[in-house]
C-alpha atoms as a PDB file:
ATOM      1  CA  UNK A   1      -0.058  -0.070   0.048  1.00  0.00           C
ATOM      2  CA  UNK A   2       2.558   2.224   1.131  1.00  0.00           C
ATOM      3  CA  UNK A   3       4.676   1.741  -2.551  1.00  0.00           C
ATOM      4  CA  UNK A   4       1.368   2.499  -4.603  1.00  0.00           C
ATOM      5  CA  UNK A   5       1.239   5.759  -2.513  1.00  0.00           C
ATOM      6  CA  UNK A   6       4.779   6.673  -3.420  1.00  0.00           C
ATOM      7  CA  UNK A   7       4.027   5.634  -6.985  1.00  0.00           C
ATOM      8  CA  UNK A   8       0.881   8.186  -7.238  1.00  0.00           C
ATOM      9  CA  UNK A   9       0.989  11.628  -8.619  1.00  0.00           C
ATOM     10  CA  UNK A  10       2.220  14.237  -6.795  1.00  0.00           C
ATOM     11  CA  UNK A  11      -0.564  16.726  -5.729  1.00  0.00           C
ATOM     12  CA  UNK A  12      -0.474  20.542  -5.122  1.00  0.00           C
ATOM     13  CA  UNK A  13      -2.967  22.193  -3.590  1.00  0.00           C
ATOM     14  CA  UNK A  14      -3.851  25.663  -5.074  1.00  0.00           C
ATOM     15  CA  UNK A  15      -4.332  27.154  -1.421  1.00  0.00           C
ATOM     16  CA  UNK A  16      -1.930  26.959   1.536  1.00  0.00           C
ATOM     17  CA  UNK A  17      -2.636  25.332   4.690  1.00  0.00           C
ATOM     18  CA  UNK A  18      -4.123  28.371   6.636  1.00  0.00           C
ATOM     19  CA  UNK A  19      -6.749  29.308   4.099  1.00  0.00           C
ATOM     20  CA  UNK A  20      -7.995  25.700   3.670  1.00  0.00           C
ATOM     21  CA  UNK A  21      -8.138  25.187   7.303  1.00  0.00           C
ATOM     22  CA  UNK A  22     -10.417  28.322   7.585  1.00  0.00           C
ATOM     23  CA  UNK A  23     -12.657  27.008   4.567  1.00  0.00           C
ATOM     24  CA  UNK A  24     -12.715  24.004   6.407  1.00  0.00           C
ATOM     25  CA  UNK A  25     -13.855  25.185   9.993  1.00  0.00           C
ATOM     26  CA  UNK A  26     -16.162  27.610   8.180  1.00  0.00           C
ATOM     27  CA  UNK A  27     -17.876  24.480   7.087  1.00  0.00           C
ATOM     28  CA  UNK A  28     -17.877  22.842   9.794  1.00  0.00           C
ATOM     29  CA  UNK A  29     -19.610  25.658  11.758  1.00  0.00           C
ATOM     30  CA  UNK A  30     -22.290  26.046   8.968  1.00  0.00           C
ATOM     31  CA  UNK A  31     -23.043  22.189   8.976  1.00  0.00           C
ATOM     32  CA  UNK A  32     -23.176  22.734  12.663  1.00  0.00           C
ATOM     33  CA  UNK A  33     -25.740  25.499  12.659  1.00  0.00           C
ATOM     34  CA  UNK A  34     -27.917  23.479  10.003  1.00  0.00           C
ATOM     35  CA  UNK A  35     -27.916  20.389  12.643  1.00  0.00           C
ATOM     36  CA  UNK A  36     -28.629  23.248  15.448  1.00  0.00           C
ATOM     37  CA  UNK A  37     -31.530  24.241  13.657  1.00  0.00           C
ATOM     38  CA  UNK A  38     -32.762  21.049  12.635  1.00  0.00           C
ATOM     39  CA  UNK A  39     -32.711  19.733  16.342  1.00  0.00           C
ATOM     40  CA  UNK A  40     -34.363  22.655  17.709  1.00  0.00           C
ATOM     41  CA  UNK A  41     -37.386  21.761  15.987  1.00  0.00           C
ATOM     42  CA  UNK A  42     -37.786  18.768  18.214  1.00  0.00           C
ATOM     43  CA  UNK A  43     -37.749  20.492  21.884  1.00  0.00           C
ATOM     44  CA  UNK A  44     -38.978  22.913  24.082  1.00  0.00           C
ATOM     45  CA  UNK A  45     -38.248  24.975  26.986  1.00  0.00           C
ATOM     46  CA  UNK A  46     -34.437  25.089  28.308  1.00  0.00           C
ATOM     47  CA  UNK A  47     -33.262  22.515  25.685  1.00  0.00           C
ATOM     48  CA  UNK A  48     -34.864  25.136  23.185  1.00  0.00           C
ATOM     49  CA  UNK A  49     -32.833  27.573  24.710  1.00  0.00           C
ATOM     50  CA  UNK A  50     -29.721  25.675  24.474  1.00  0.00           C
ATOM     51  CA  UNK A  51     -29.857  25.464  20.824  1.00  0.00           C
ATOM     52  CA  UNK A  52     -30.656  28.931  20.320  1.00  0.00           C
ATOM     53  CA  UNK A  53     -27.586  29.846  22.579  1.00  0.00           C
ATOM     54  CA  UNK A  54     -25.505  27.619  20.316  1.00  0.00           C
ATOM     55  CA  UNK A  55     -26.751  28.970  17.436  1.00  0.00           C
ATOM     56  CA  UNK A  56     -26.054  32.525  18.327  1.00  0.00           C
ATOM     57  CA  UNK A  57     -22.439  31.397  19.276  1.00  0.00           C
ATOM     58  CA  UNK A  58     -21.660  29.615  16.158  1.00  0.00           C
ATOM     59  CA  UNK A  59     -23.221  32.346  14.175  1.00  0.00           C
ATOM     60  CA  UNK A  60     -20.910  34.712  15.772  1.00  0.00           C
ATOM     61  CA  UNK A  61     -18.088  32.385  15.252  1.00  0.00           C
ATOM     62  CA  UNK A  62     -18.952  31.657  11.440  1.00  0.00           C
ATOM     63  CA  UNK A  63     -19.192  35.393  10.784  1.00  0.00           C
ATOM     64  CA  UNK A  64     -15.616  35.991  12.354  1.00  0.00           C
ATOM     65  CA  UNK A  65     -14.171  33.192  10.380  1.00  0.00           C
ATOM     66  CA  UNK A  66     -15.931  34.595   7.016  1.00  0.00           C
ATOM     67  CA  UNK A  67     -14.195  37.861   7.959  1.00  0.00           C
ATOM     68  CA  UNK A  68     -10.995  36.802   8.766  1.00  0.00           C
ATOM     69  CA  UNK A  69     -11.153  34.173   5.600  1.00  0.00           C
ATOM     70  CA  UNK A  70     -12.128  37.138   3.091  1.00  0.00           C
ATOM     71  CA  UNK A  71      -9.300  39.247   4.423  1.00  0.00           C
ATOM     72  CA  UNK A  72      -6.753  36.278   3.909  1.00  0.00           C
ATOM     73  CA  UNK A  73      -8.221  35.931   0.166  1.00  0.00           C
ATOM     74  CA  UNK A  74      -7.949  39.759  -0.392  1.00  0.00           C
ATOM     75  CA  UNK A  75      -4.409  39.839   0.729  1.00  0.00           C
ATOM     76  CA  UNK A  76      -3.167  36.955  -1.723  1.00  0.00           C
END
């Protein structure tokens, strides 16, 4: 298996690791937001409040990640 991997084509990614990490982190946050939204339809009371808090916090985080990612892209 390792020999097959060594003989494979070399892959060069069009973006650097830091940019990739930001994109991946943003994607994960957006997926989490969708999951929280979905789960929040099945609960009420304290559980609903928890999901609302998670949505608020992760929305803020996603907006911050997007802001930093845009700056990074503009600077490249």
